[in-house]
């Protein structure tokens, strides 16, 4: 083939392969081949629906091209969601999980085959993707940044074999509840800034997150338990400090008695902060509703009695012939009654 015969074009290339394909084959070849065949047919259908075409599918790999990066990423998202739904019906050790890489680049076309760095980069990005995830290049990211309701996490510059320049890679975040906290990062001034602005400076000072192993499920549970225990311990210490300091102020008030009571004002202000911390601690630890609305109502009742009792003490200590504590007691009591009716 001469140089004049070489056909080139710009295309979005999708490369996908199966995680732990060798293990699946060792365990059950026949079942693995059946699952792979079914999944490959599903993937081919979804690729065609998103205006792409399957170029090749050797072994556990699948290579496809699209005229649009938007179509390629939407197709990849549809593929991962469909495969996840199908995997949920299989035993965990028989689930077939794909990794997907997408790149926008120049390719060489020969008959129905495609070649070139654009294809090689897509294949390498596939290897960087999380199981069940999608990894895209900077060139692909630039085309879809503001066009799709997805999140993107910058993974830094990656060295690709036989490619001169490092490739900037992005992880596509499929779950809405996970991507928003990642989509906005701190810039040098400490303010939150979208990746759309941060990536404009990536070539000069690319963001390189520290690499660390993903915690296991047991470690995550242990960390969560420790956090809850710390939250409760922190509140208990706060409570004892409150009691000690206010008690000390009461003693000072009595020793310097001049006919006026003043210690209750810091007690009231600090007590309100302590109450808010107690409420926040209960919410963080998931205690408010862990046993249903009954526990929530009991806590509500206890809080009501504590606060109204506190207001009663303040009313007595600041007695000027006027009773006022029953007004907040009446209003809050009505809300408490409605809560009890709803619980019943």
C-alpha atoms as a PDB file:
ATOM      1  CA  UNK A   1       0.000   0.000   0.000  1.00  0.00           C
ATOM      2  CA  UNK A   2       1.497   3.370  -1.001  1.00  0.00           C
ATOM      3  CA  UNK A   3       1.201   6.579   0.989  1.00  0.00           C
ATOM      4  CA  UNK A   4      -1.396   7.871  -1.459  1.00  0.00           C
ATOM      5  CA  UNK A   5      -3.539   4.773  -0.869  1.00  0.00           C
ATOM      6  CA  UNK A   6      -3.647   5.251   2.918  1.00  0.00           C
ATOM      7  CA  UNK A   7      -7.054   6.411   4.089  1.00  0.00           C
ATOM      8  CA  UNK A   8      -7.225   8.361   7.311  1.00  0.00           C
ATOM      9  CA  UNK A   9     -10.037   9.825   9.322  1.00  0.00           C
ATOM     10  CA  UNK A  10     -10.807  11.167  12.771  1.00  0.00           C
ATOM     11  CA  UNK A  11     -12.926   8.793  14.848  1.00  0.00           C
ATOM     12  CA  UNK A  12     -13.975   7.961  18.382  1.00  0.00           C
ATOM     13  CA  UNK A  13     -12.603   4.516  19.193  1.00  0.00           C
ATOM     14  CA  UNK A  14     -14.094   2.279  21.880  1.00  0.00           C
ATOM     15  CA  UNK A  15     -12.129  -0.676  23.224  1.00  0.00           C
ATOM     16  CA  UNK A  16     -13.559  -3.117  25.778  1.00  0.00           C
ATOM     17  CA  UNK A  17     -12.365  -6.294  27.415  1.00  0.00           C
ATOM     18  CA  UNK A  18     -13.360  -8.656  30.239  1.00  0.00           C
ATOM     19  CA  UNK A  19     -11.807  -8.485  33.674  1.00  0.00           C
ATOM     20  CA  UNK A  20     -10.385 -11.863  34.858  1.00  0.00           C
ATOM     21  CA  UNK A  21     -11.361 -13.583  31.626  1.00  0.00           C
ATOM     22  CA  UNK A  22      -8.732 -16.302  32.169  1.00  0.00           C
ATOM     23  CA  UNK A  23     -10.158 -17.175  35.584  1.00  0.00           C
ATOM     24  CA  UNK A  24     -13.678 -17.444  34.180  1.00  0.00           C
ATOM     25  CA  UNK A  25     -12.447 -19.755  31.434  1.00  0.00           C
ATOM     26  CA  UNK A  26     -10.569 -21.960  33.901  1.00  0.00           C
ATOM     27  CA  UNK A  27     -13.643 -22.372  36.059  1.00  0.00           C
ATOM     28  CA  UNK A  28     -16.139 -23.117  33.281  1.00  0.00           C
ATOM     29  CA  UNK A  29     -15.228 -22.659  29.638  1.00  0.00           C
ATOM     30  CA  UNK A  30     -18.633 -23.492  28.187  1.00  0.00           C
ATOM     31  CA  UNK A  31     -20.549 -21.143  30.506  1.00  0.00           C
ATOM     32  CA  UNK A  32     -17.998 -18.370  29.943  1.00  0.00           C
ATOM     33  CA  UNK A  33     -18.273 -18.630  26.165  1.00  0.00           C
ATOM     34  CA  UNK A  34     -22.082 -18.584  26.345  1.00  0.00           C
ATOM     35  CA  UNK A  35     -22.090 -15.498  28.568  1.00  0.00           C
ATOM     36  CA  UNK A  36     -19.489 -13.744  26.411  1.00  0.00           C
ATOM     37  CA  UNK A  37     -21.464 -14.475  23.250  1.00  0.00           C
ATOM     38  CA  UNK A  38     -24.682 -13.115  24.805  1.00  0.00           C
ATOM     39  CA  UNK A  39     -22.977 -10.008  26.170  1.00  0.00           C
ATOM     40  CA  UNK A  40     -21.173  -9.359  22.891  1.00  0.00           C
ATOM     41  CA  UNK A  41     -24.488  -9.486  20.999  1.00  0.00           C
ATOM     42  CA  UNK A  42     -25.969  -7.030  23.500  1.00  0.00           C
ATOM     43  CA  UNK A  43     -22.977  -4.712  23.153  1.00  0.00           C
ATOM     44  CA  UNK A  44     -23.154  -4.864  19.344  1.00  0.00           C
ATOM     45  CA  UNK A  45     -26.847  -3.942  19.416  1.00  0.00           C
ATOM     46  CA  UNK A  46     -26.236  -0.975  21.727  1.00  0.00           C
ATOM     47  CA  UNK A  47     -23.282   0.206  19.637  1.00  0.00           C
ATOM     48  CA  UNK A  48     -25.434   0.188  16.498  1.00  0.00           C
ATOM     49  CA  UNK A  49     -28.205   2.034  18.347  1.00  0.00           C
ATOM     50  CA  UNK A  50     -25.679   4.767  19.120  1.00  0.00           C
ATOM     51  CA  UNK A  51     -24.551   5.041  15.481  1.00  0.00           C
ATOM     52  CA  UNK A  52     -21.345   3.058  15.834  1.00  0.00           C
ATOM     53  CA  UNK A  53     -19.990  -0.110  14.264  1.00  0.00           C
ATOM     54  CA  UNK A  54     -18.107  -3.073  15.690  1.00  0.00           C
ATOM     55  CA  UNK A  55     -14.736  -3.347  13.934  1.00  0.00           C
ATOM     56  CA  UNK A  56     -13.392  -6.523  15.546  1.00  0.00           C
ATOM     57  CA  UNK A  57     -14.004  -8.817  18.512  1.00  0.00           C
ATOM     58  CA  UNK A  58     -11.034 -11.153  19.087  1.00  0.00           C
ATOM     59  CA  UNK A  59     -11.125 -13.247  22.262  1.00  0.00           C
ATOM     60  CA  UNK A  60     -12.684 -11.246  25.088  1.00  0.00           C
ATOM     61  CA  UNK A  61     -11.971  -7.902  23.408  1.00  0.00           C
ATOM     62  CA  UNK A  62     -14.317  -5.719  21.384  1.00  0.00           C
ATOM     63  CA  UNK A  63     -13.266  -2.804  19.187  1.00  0.00           C
ATOM     64  CA  UNK A  64     -15.751  -0.277  17.788  1.00  0.00           C
ATOM     65  CA  UNK A  65     -15.675   3.129  16.133  1.00  0.00           C
ATOM     66  CA  UNK A  66     -18.053   6.089  16.195  1.00  0.00           C
ATOM     67  CA  UNK A  67     -18.225   9.317  14.257  1.00  0.00           C
ATOM     68  CA  UNK A  68     -19.103  11.170  17.467  1.00  0.00           C
ATOM     69  CA  UNK A  69     -17.516  11.016  20.937  1.00  0.00           C
ATOM     70  CA  UNK A  70     -20.916  11.796  22.445  1.00  0.00           C
ATOM     71  CA  UNK A  71     -22.370   8.699  20.778  1.00  0.00           C
ATOM     72  CA  UNK A  72     -19.378   6.613  21.894  1.00  0.00           C
ATOM     73  CA  UNK A  73     -19.636   7.601  25.553  1.00  0.00           C
ATOM     74  CA  UNK A  74     -23.431   7.283  25.622  1.00  0.00           C
ATOM     75  CA  UNK A  75     -23.076   3.842  24.058  1.00  0.00           C
ATOM     76  CA  UNK A  76     -20.446   2.854  26.633  1.00  0.00           C
ATOM     77  CA  UNK A  77     -22.653   4.016  29.504  1.00  0.00           C
ATOM     78  CA  UNK A  78     -25.606   2.047  28.108  1.00  0.00           C
ATOM     79  CA  UNK A  79     -23.377  -1.026  27.771  1.00  0.00           C
ATOM     80  CA  UNK A  80     -22.089  -0.859  31.341  1.00  0.00           C
ATOM     81  CA  UNK A  81     -25.581  -0.370  32.783  1.00  0.00           C
ATOM     82  CA  UNK A  82     -27.062  -3.215  30.763  1.00  0.00           C
ATOM     83  CA  UNK A  83     -24.229  -5.594  31.667  1.00  0.00           C
ATOM     84  CA  UNK A  84     -24.506  -4.656  35.337  1.00  0.00           C
ATOM     85  CA  UNK A  85     -28.226  -5.461  35.269  1.00  0.00           C
ATOM     86  CA  UNK A  86     -27.513  -8.840  33.676  1.00  0.00           C
ATOM     87  CA  UNK A  87     -24.672  -9.586  36.109  1.00  0.00           C
ATOM     88  CA  UNK A  88     -26.976  -9.014  39.064  1.00  0.00           C
ATOM     89  CA  UNK A  89     -28.799 -12.185  37.996  1.00  0.00           C
ATOM     90  CA  UNK A  90     -25.603 -14.290  38.085  1.00  0.00           C
ATOM     91  CA  UNK A  91     -23.581 -15.710  40.991  1.00  0.00           C
ATOM     92  CA  UNK A  92     -20.823 -13.303  42.006  1.00  0.00           C
ATOM     93  CA  UNK A  93     -17.995 -15.582  40.833  1.00  0.00           C
ATOM     94  CA  UNK A  94     -19.594 -15.952  37.377  1.00  0.00           C
ATOM     95  CA  UNK A  95     -20.217 -12.300  36.643  1.00  0.00           C
ATOM     96  CA  UNK A  96     -18.527 -10.960  33.526  1.00  0.00           C
ATOM     97  CA  UNK A  97     -17.362  -7.371  34.031  1.00  0.00           C
ATOM     98  CA  UNK A  98     -16.035  -5.197  31.199  1.00  0.00           C
ATOM     99  CA  UNK A  99     -13.596  -2.291  31.224  1.00  0.00           C
ATOM    100  CA  UNK A 100     -14.012   0.335  28.509  1.00  0.00           C
ATOM    101  CA  UNK A 101     -11.555   2.837  27.048  1.00  0.00           C
ATOM    102  CA  UNK A 102     -12.503   5.625  24.617  1.00  0.00           C
ATOM    103  CA  UNK A 103     -10.230   7.893  22.588  1.00  0.00           C
ATOM    104  CA  UNK A 104     -10.734  10.471  19.866  1.00  0.00           C
ATOM    105  CA  UNK A 105      -7.879  10.209  17.387  1.00  0.00           C
ATOM    106  CA  UNK A 106      -6.609   9.801  13.868  1.00  0.00           C
ATOM    107  CA  UNK A 107      -6.920   6.274  12.474  1.00  0.00           C
ATOM    108  CA  UNK A 108      -5.813   4.425   9.350  1.00  0.00           C
ATOM    109  CA  UNK A 109      -8.599   2.584   7.567  1.00  0.00           C
ATOM    110  CA  UNK A 110      -7.958  -0.538   5.510  1.00  0.00           C
ATOM    111  CA  UNK A 111     -11.079  -2.337   4.296  1.00  0.00           C
ATOM    112  CA  UNK A 112     -13.075  -2.900   7.500  1.00  0.00           C
ATOM    113  CA  UNK A 113     -10.043  -2.714   9.804  1.00  0.00           C
ATOM    114  CA  UNK A 114      -8.636   0.334  11.616  1.00  0.00           C
ATOM    115  CA  UNK A 115      -5.091   0.972  12.868  1.00  0.00           C
ATOM    116  CA  UNK A 116      -2.923   3.694  14.358  1.00  0.00           C
ATOM    117  CA  UNK A 117      -2.109   5.459  17.614  1.00  0.00           C
ATOM    118  CA  UNK A 118      -5.763   6.397  18.069  1.00  0.00           C
ATOM    119  CA  UNK A 119      -6.618   2.700  18.403  1.00  0.00           C
ATOM    120  CA  UNK A 120      -3.607   1.909  20.613  1.00  0.00           C
ATOM    121  CA  UNK A 121      -4.478   4.697  23.045  1.00  0.00           C
ATOM    122  CA  UNK A 122      -8.078   3.479  23.369  1.00  0.00           C
ATOM    123  CA  UNK A 123      -6.792  -0.028  24.162  1.00  0.00           C
ATOM    124  CA  UNK A 124      -4.426   1.324  26.839  1.00  0.00           C
ATOM    125  CA  UNK A 125      -7.158   3.456  28.395  1.00  0.00           C
ATOM    126  CA  UNK A 126      -9.309   0.358  28.619  1.00  0.00           C
ATOM    127  CA  UNK A 127      -6.660  -1.231  30.837  1.00  0.00           C
ATOM    128  CA  UNK A 128      -6.743   1.813  33.158  1.00  0.00           C
ATOM    129  CA  UNK A 129     -10.531   1.724  33.570  1.00  0.00           C
ATOM    130  CA  UNK A 130     -12.160   0.365  36.705  1.00  0.00           C
ATOM    131  CA  UNK A 131     -14.034  -2.941  36.346  1.00  0.00           C
ATOM    132  CA  UNK A 132     -17.463  -1.914  35.080  1.00  0.00           C
ATOM    133  CA  UNK A 133     -16.124   1.573  34.381  1.00  0.00           C
ATOM    134  CA  UNK A 134     -15.088   3.848  31.517  1.00  0.00           C
ATOM    135  CA  UNK A 135     -11.809   5.706  30.980  1.00  0.00           C
ATOM    136  CA  UNK A 136     -11.463   8.396  28.294  1.00  0.00           C
ATOM    137  CA  UNK A 137      -8.646  10.503  26.872  1.00  0.00           C
ATOM    138  CA  UNK A 138      -8.311  14.276  27.073  1.00  0.00           C
ATOM    139  CA  UNK A 139      -9.240  14.589  23.390  1.00  0.00           C
ATOM    140  CA  UNK A 140     -12.480  12.717  24.048  1.00  0.00           C
ATOM    141  CA  UNK A 141     -13.177  14.645  27.247  1.00  0.00           C
ATOM    142  CA  UNK A 142     -12.914  17.987  25.458  1.00  0.00           C
ATOM    143  CA  UNK A 143     -15.771  16.941  23.164  1.00  0.00           C
ATOM    144  CA  UNK A 144     -18.245  15.876  25.859  1.00  0.00           C
ATOM    145  CA  UNK A 145     -17.351  17.989  28.903  1.00  0.00           C
ATOM    146  CA  UNK A 146     -20.566  20.030  28.860  1.00  0.00           C
ATOM    147  CA  UNK A 147     -22.744  17.785  26.712  1.00  0.00           C
ATOM    148  CA  UNK A 148     -23.534  14.788  28.937  1.00  0.00           C
ATOM    149  CA  UNK A 149     -24.964  14.578  32.489  1.00  0.00           C
ATOM    150  CA  UNK A 150     -21.936  12.696  33.788  1.00  0.00           C
ATOM    151  CA  UNK A 151     -19.005  13.369  36.087  1.00  0.00           C
ATOM    152  CA  UNK A 152     -15.317  13.109  35.230  1.00  0.00           C
ATOM    153  CA  UNK A 153     -12.308  12.549  37.458  1.00  0.00           C
ATOM    154  CA  UNK A 154      -8.892  13.554  36.160  1.00  0.00           C
ATOM    155  CA  UNK A 155      -6.435  10.655  36.551  1.00  0.00           C
ATOM    156  CA  UNK A 156      -3.278  12.491  35.497  1.00  0.00           C
ATOM    157  CA  UNK A 157      -0.880  11.966  32.594  1.00  0.00           C
ATOM    158  CA  UNK A 158      -0.334   8.360  31.533  1.00  0.00           C
ATOM    159  CA  UNK A 159       2.567   7.033  29.498  1.00  0.00           C
ATOM    160  CA  UNK A 160       1.388   4.923  26.571  1.00  0.00           C
ATOM    161  CA  UNK A 161       3.704   2.388  24.995  1.00  0.00           C
ATOM    162  CA  UNK A 162       4.915   3.424  21.513  1.00  0.00           C
ATOM    163  CA  UNK A 163       3.180   6.825  21.877  1.00  0.00           C
ATOM    164  CA  UNK A 164       5.545   9.805  22.200  1.00  0.00           C
ATOM    165  CA  UNK A 165       3.475  12.161  24.351  1.00  0.00           C
ATOM    166  CA  UNK A 166       1.808  11.169  27.647  1.00  0.00           C
ATOM    167  CA  UNK A 167      -1.979  10.947  27.480  1.00  0.00           C
ATOM    168  CA  UNK A 168      -4.210  12.724  29.970  1.00  0.00           C
ATOM    169  CA  UNK A 169      -6.872  10.324  31.197  1.00  0.00           C
ATOM    170  CA  UNK A 170     -10.266  10.878  32.812  1.00  0.00           C
ATOM    171  CA  UNK A 171     -12.471   8.447  34.699  1.00  0.00           C
ATOM    172  CA  UNK A 172     -16.172   8.705  33.802  1.00  0.00           C
ATOM    173  CA  UNK A 173     -18.308   8.755  36.951  1.00  0.00           C
ATOM    174  CA  UNK A 174     -21.596   7.026  36.224  1.00  0.00           C
ATOM    175  CA  UNK A 175     -23.376   7.367  39.575  1.00  0.00           C
ATOM    176  CA  UNK A 176     -24.866  10.863  40.253  1.00  0.00           C
ATOM    177  CA  UNK A 177     -24.444  10.558  44.029  1.00  0.00           C
ATOM    178  CA  UNK A 178     -20.731   9.844  43.610  1.00  0.00           C
ATOM    179  CA  UNK A 179     -19.615  12.294  40.967  1.00  0.00           C
ATOM    180  CA  UNK A 180     -20.683  15.647  42.354  1.00  0.00           C
ATOM    181  CA  UNK A 181     -18.169  15.597  45.200  1.00  0.00           C
ATOM    182  CA  UNK A 182     -15.443  14.615  42.724  1.00  0.00           C
ATOM    183  CA  UNK A 183     -16.447  16.898  39.887  1.00  0.00           C
ATOM    184  CA  UNK A 184     -15.546  20.006  41.885  1.00  0.00           C
ATOM    185  CA  UNK A 185     -11.990  20.142  43.194  1.00  0.00           C
ATOM    186  CA  UNK A 186     -10.035  22.690  45.152  1.00  0.00           C
ATOM    187  CA  UNK A 187      -7.892  25.055  43.121  1.00  0.00           C
ATOM    188  CA  UNK A 188      -4.732  26.665  44.442  1.00  0.00           C
ATOM    189  CA  UNK A 189      -6.711  29.422  46.147  1.00  0.00           C
ATOM    190  CA  UNK A 190      -8.713  26.816  48.074  1.00  0.00           C
ATOM    191  CA  UNK A 191     -11.969  27.463  46.194  1.00  0.00           C
ATOM    192  CA  UNK A 192     -14.054  24.781  44.499  1.00  0.00           C
ATOM    193  CA  UNK A 193     -13.660  24.853  40.742  1.00  0.00           C
ATOM    194  CA  UNK A 194     -15.066  22.589  38.001  1.00  0.00           C
ATOM    195  CA  UNK A 195     -12.700  20.329  36.117  1.00  0.00           C
ATOM    196  CA  UNK A 196     -13.728  22.216  32.998  1.00  0.00           C
ATOM    197  CA  UNK A 197     -11.578  25.115  34.233  1.00  0.00           C
ATOM    198  CA  UNK A 198      -8.911  23.081  35.974  1.00  0.00           C
ATOM    199  CA  UNK A 199      -8.129  21.014  32.893  1.00  0.00           C
ATOM    200  CA  UNK A 200      -7.308  24.200  30.950  1.00  0.00           C
ATOM    201  CA  UNK A 201      -4.179  24.390  33.132  1.00  0.00           C
ATOM    202  CA  UNK A 202      -3.501  20.658  33.117  1.00  0.00           C
ATOM    203  CA  UNK A 203      -0.693  20.769  30.580  1.00  0.00           C
ATOM    204  CA  UNK A 204       1.261  23.289  32.645  1.00  0.00           C
ATOM    205  CA  UNK A 205       0.604  21.899  36.119  1.00  0.00           C
ATOM    206  CA  UNK A 206      -1.445  18.703  35.733  1.00  0.00           C
ATOM    207  CA  UNK A 207      -3.337  17.482  38.742  1.00  0.00           C
ATOM    208  CA  UNK A 208      -1.817  14.238  40.027  1.00  0.00           C
ATOM    209  CA  UNK A 209      -3.826  12.663  42.823  1.00  0.00           C
ATOM    210  CA  UNK A 210      -1.920  10.521  45.271  1.00  0.00           C
ATOM    211  CA  UNK A 211      -2.253   6.867  44.410  1.00  0.00           C
ATOM    212  CA  UNK A 212      -3.449   4.676  47.217  1.00  0.00           C
ATOM    213  CA  UNK A 213      -5.046   1.302  47.472  1.00  0.00           C
ATOM    214  CA  UNK A 214      -8.814   1.226  47.558  1.00  0.00           C
ATOM    215  CA  UNK A 215      -9.947   0.142  51.061  1.00  0.00           C
ATOM    216  CA  UNK A 216     -11.548  -3.251  51.350  1.00  0.00           C
ATOM    217  CA  UNK A 217     -15.164  -3.648  52.393  1.00  0.00           C
ATOM    218  CA  UNK A 218     -14.109  -4.708  55.909  1.00  0.00           C
ATOM    219  CA  UNK A 219     -11.772  -1.704  56.231  1.00  0.00           C
ATOM    220  CA  UNK A 220     -14.563   0.629  55.082  1.00  0.00           C
ATOM    221  CA  UNK A 221     -16.945  -0.789  57.688  1.00  0.00           C
ATOM    222  CA  UNK A 222     -14.255  -0.505  60.370  1.00  0.00           C
ATOM    223  CA  UNK A 223     -13.577   3.109  59.425  1.00  0.00           C
ATOM    224  CA  UNK A 224     -17.307   3.923  59.481  1.00  0.00           C
ATOM    225  CA  UNK A 225     -17.695   2.296  62.910  1.00  0.00           C
ATOM    226  CA  UNK A 226     -14.682   4.195  64.244  1.00  0.00           C
ATOM    227  CA  UNK A 227     -16.086   7.473  62.925  1.00  0.00           C
ATOM    228  CA  UNK A 228     -19.419   6.857  64.662  1.00  0.00           C
ATOM    229  CA  UNK A 229     -17.682   5.934  67.917  1.00  0.00           C
ATOM    230  CA  UNK A 230     -15.529   9.074  67.729  1.00  0.00           C
ATOM    231  CA  UNK A 231     -18.589  11.220  67.075  1.00  0.00           C
ATOM    232  CA  UNK A 232     -20.351   9.844  70.149  1.00  0.00           C
ATOM    233  CA  UNK A 233     -17.195  10.108  72.301  1.00  0.00           C
ATOM    234  CA  UNK A 234     -16.731  13.702  71.192  1.00  0.00           C
ATOM    235  CA  UNK A 235     -20.274  14.549  72.306  1.00  0.00           C
ATOM    236  CA  UNK A 236     -19.781  12.835  75.680  1.00  0.00           C
ATOM    237  CA  UNK A 237     -16.610  14.834  76.314  1.00  0.00           C
ATOM    238  CA  UNK A 238     -18.426  17.998  75.281  1.00  0.00           C
ATOM    239  CA  UNK A 239     -21.212  17.198  77.764  1.00  0.00           C
ATOM    240  CA  UNK A 240     -18.825  16.633  80.677  1.00  0.00           C
ATOM    241  CA  UNK A 241     -16.893  19.806  79.903  1.00  0.00           C
ATOM    242  CA  UNK A 242     -20.206  21.698  79.815  1.00  0.00           C
ATOM    243  CA  UNK A 243     -21.291  20.303  83.190  1.00  0.00           C
ATOM    244  CA  UNK A 244     -17.900  21.038  84.755  1.00  0.00           C
ATOM    245  CA  UNK A 245     -17.590  24.613  83.494  1.00  0.00           C
ATOM    246  CA  UNK A 246     -21.194  25.605  84.228  1.00  0.00           C
ATOM    247  CA  UNK A 247     -20.908  24.037  87.683  1.00  0.00           C
ATOM    248  CA  UNK A 248     -17.768  26.099  88.262  1.00  0.00           C
ATOM    249  CA  UNK A 249     -19.580  29.259  87.141  1.00  0.00           C
ATOM    250  CA  UNK A 250     -22.427  28.432  89.551  1.00  0.00           C
ATOM    251  CA  UNK A 251     -19.936  28.227  92.430  1.00  0.00           C
ATOM    252  CA  UNK A 252     -18.383  31.568  91.390  1.00  0.00           C
ATOM    253  CA  UNK A 253     -21.859  33.106  91.179  1.00  0.00           C
ATOM    254  CA  UNK A 254     -22.624  31.951  94.744  1.00  0.00           C
ATOM    255  CA  UNK A 255     -19.247  33.042  96.154  1.00  0.00           C
ATOM    256  CA  UNK A 256     -19.596  36.510  94.625  1.00  0.00           C
ATOM    257  CA  UNK A 257     -23.276  36.782  95.427  1.00  0.00           C
ATOM    258  CA  UNK A 258     -24.599  40.281  95.117  1.00  0.00           C
ATOM    259  CA  UNK A 259     -28.277  39.506  94.774  1.00  0.00           C
ATOM    260  CA  UNK A 260     -28.094  38.676  91.055  1.00  0.00           C
ATOM    261  CA  UNK A 261     -27.965  35.368  89.180  1.00  0.00           C
ATOM    262  CA  UNK A 262     -25.890  35.453  86.006  1.00  0.00           C
ATOM    263  CA  UNK A 263     -24.415  31.963  85.451  1.00  0.00           C
ATOM    264  CA  UNK A 264     -27.532  30.758  83.648  1.00  0.00           C
ATOM    265  CA  UNK A 265     -26.876  32.940  80.595  1.00  0.00           C
ATOM    266  CA  UNK A 266     -23.653  31.188  79.508  1.00  0.00           C
ATOM    267  CA  UNK A 267     -25.338  27.907  80.478  1.00  0.00           C
ATOM    268  CA  UNK A 268     -28.269  28.697  78.183  1.00  0.00           C
ATOM    269  CA  UNK A 269     -26.110  29.688  75.197  1.00  0.00           C
ATOM    270  CA  UNK A 270     -23.678  26.816  75.546  1.00  0.00           C
ATOM    271  CA  UNK A 271     -26.525  24.401  76.259  1.00  0.00           C
ATOM    272  CA  UNK A 272     -28.135  25.302  72.944  1.00  0.00           C
ATOM    273  CA  UNK A 273     -24.871  24.534  71.108  1.00  0.00           C
ATOM    274  CA  UNK A 274     -24.605  21.244  73.002  1.00  0.00           C
ATOM    275  CA  UNK A 275     -28.152  20.329  72.008  1.00  0.00           C
ATOM    276  CA  UNK A 276     -27.435  21.031  68.327  1.00  0.00           C
ATOM    277  CA  UNK A 277     -24.297  18.879  68.531  1.00  0.00           C
ATOM    278  CA  UNK A 278     -26.334  16.037  70.051  1.00  0.00           C
ATOM    279  CA  UNK A 279     -28.883  16.286  67.228  1.00  0.00           C
ATOM    280  CA  UNK A 280     -26.119  16.325  64.604  1.00  0.00           C
ATOM    281  CA  UNK A 281     -24.397  13.336  66.227  1.00  0.00           C
ATOM    282  CA  UNK A 282     -27.616  11.325  66.062  1.00  0.00           C
ATOM    283  CA  UNK A 283     -28.094  12.130  62.376  1.00  0.00           C
ATOM    284  CA  UNK A 284     -24.489  11.301  61.429  1.00  0.00           C
ATOM    285  CA  UNK A 285     -24.594   7.952  63.168  1.00  0.00           C
ATOM    286  CA  UNK A 286     -27.932   7.017  61.591  1.00  0.00           C
ATOM    287  CA  UNK A 287     -29.537   6.601  65.026  1.00  0.00           C
ATOM    288  CA  UNK A 288     -32.579   8.775  64.404  1.00  0.00           C
ATOM    289  CA  UNK A 289     -34.454   6.274  62.269  1.00  0.00           C
ATOM    290  CA  UNK A 290     -32.558   3.009  62.646  1.00  0.00           C
ATOM    291  CA  UNK A 291     -35.459   1.400  64.518  1.00  0.00           C
ATOM    292  CA  UNK A 292     -38.260   3.200  62.754  1.00  0.00           C
ATOM    293  CA  UNK A 293     -40.373   6.234  63.681  1.00  0.00           C
ATOM    294  CA  UNK A 294     -40.941   5.028  67.256  1.00  0.00           C
ATOM    295  CA  UNK A 295     -37.355   5.719  68.308  1.00  0.00           C
ATOM    296  CA  UNK A 296     -37.459   9.057  66.503  1.00  0.00           C
ATOM    297  CA  UNK A 297     -40.557  10.075  68.461  1.00  0.00           C
ATOM    298  CA  UNK A 298     -39.044   8.996  71.785  1.00  0.00           C
ATOM    299  CA  UNK A 299     -35.970  11.118  71.094  1.00  0.00           C
ATOM    300  CA  UNK A 300     -38.239  13.984  70.103  1.00  0.00           C
ATOM    301  CA  UNK A 301     -40.150  13.626  73.382  1.00  0.00           C
ATOM    302  CA  UNK A 302     -36.943  13.463  75.418  1.00  0.00           C
ATOM    303  CA  UNK A 303     -35.582  16.546  73.688  1.00  0.00           C
ATOM    304  CA  UNK A 304     -38.843  18.403  74.275  1.00  0.00           C
ATOM    305  CA  UNK A 305     -38.889  17.611  77.995  1.00  0.00           C
ATOM    306  CA  UNK A 306     -35.234  18.542  78.380  1.00  0.00           C
ATOM    307  CA  UNK A 307     -35.456  21.876  76.579  1.00  0.00           C
ATOM    308  CA  UNK A 308     -38.772  22.945  78.128  1.00  0.00           C
ATOM    309  CA  UNK A 309     -37.486  21.947  81.567  1.00  0.00           C
ATOM    310  CA  UNK A 310     -34.413  24.048  80.895  1.00  0.00           C
ATOM    311  CA  UNK A 311     -36.589  27.015  79.930  1.00  0.00           C
ATOM    312  CA  UNK A 312     -38.619  26.530  83.106  1.00  0.00           C
ATOM    313  CA  UNK A 313     -35.429  26.787  85.183  1.00  0.00           C
ATOM    314  CA  UNK A 314     -34.428  29.952  83.336  1.00  0.00           C
ATOM    315  CA  UNK A 315     -37.916  31.400  83.899  1.00  0.00           C
ATOM    316  CA  UNK A 316     -37.627  30.724  87.653  1.00  0.00           C
ATOM    317  CA  UNK A 317     -34.055  32.054  87.900  1.00  0.00           C
ATOM    318  CA  UNK A 318     -34.980  35.258  86.108  1.00  0.00           C
ATOM    319  CA  UNK A 319     -38.345  35.577  87.884  1.00  0.00           C
ATOM    320  CA  UNK A 320     -39.933  38.964  87.566  1.00  0.00           C
ATOM    321  CA  UNK A 321     -43.527  37.987  88.239  1.00  0.00           C
ATOM    322  CA  UNK A 322     -44.150  36.788  84.687  1.00  0.00           C
ATOM    323  CA  UNK A 323     -44.473  33.238  83.400  1.00  0.00           C
ATOM    324  CA  UNK A 324     -43.369  32.860  79.776  1.00  0.00           C
ATOM    325  CA  UNK A 325     -41.890  29.372  79.352  1.00  0.00           C
ATOM    326  CA  UNK A 326     -45.281  27.825  78.551  1.00  0.00           C
ATOM    327  CA  UNK A 327     -45.526  29.618  75.183  1.00  0.00           C
ATOM    328  CA  UNK A 328     -42.663  27.675  73.540  1.00  0.00           C
ATOM    329  CA  UNK A 329     -43.910  24.604  75.452  1.00  0.00           C
ATOM    330  CA  UNK A 330     -47.369  25.005  73.889  1.00  0.00           C
ATOM    331  CA  UNK A 331     -46.114  25.567  70.329  1.00  0.00           C
ATOM    332  CA  UNK A 332     -43.570  22.773  70.396  1.00  0.00           C
ATOM    333  CA  UNK A 333     -46.067  20.521  72.202  1.00  0.00           C
ATOM    334  CA  UNK A 334     -48.450  20.864  69.265  1.00  0.00           C
ATOM    335  CA  UNK A 335     -45.727  19.688  66.867  1.00  0.00           C
ATOM    336  CA  UNK A 336     -44.928  16.814  69.228  1.00  0.00           C
ATOM    337  CA  UNK A 337     -48.589  15.807  69.265  1.00  0.00           C
ATOM    338  CA  UNK A 338     -48.715  15.784  65.449  1.00  0.00           C
ATOM    339  CA  UNK A 339     -45.573  13.651  65.423  1.00  0.00           C
ATOM    340  CA  UNK A 340     -47.233  11.185  67.807  1.00  0.00           C
ATOM    341  CA  UNK A 341     -50.369  11.053  65.610  1.00  0.00           C
ATOM    342  CA  UNK A 342     -48.260  10.392  62.502  1.00  0.00           C
ATOM    343  CA  UNK A 343     -46.353   7.642  64.311  1.00  0.00           C
ATOM    344  CA  UNK A 344     -49.571   5.981  65.395  1.00  0.00           C
END
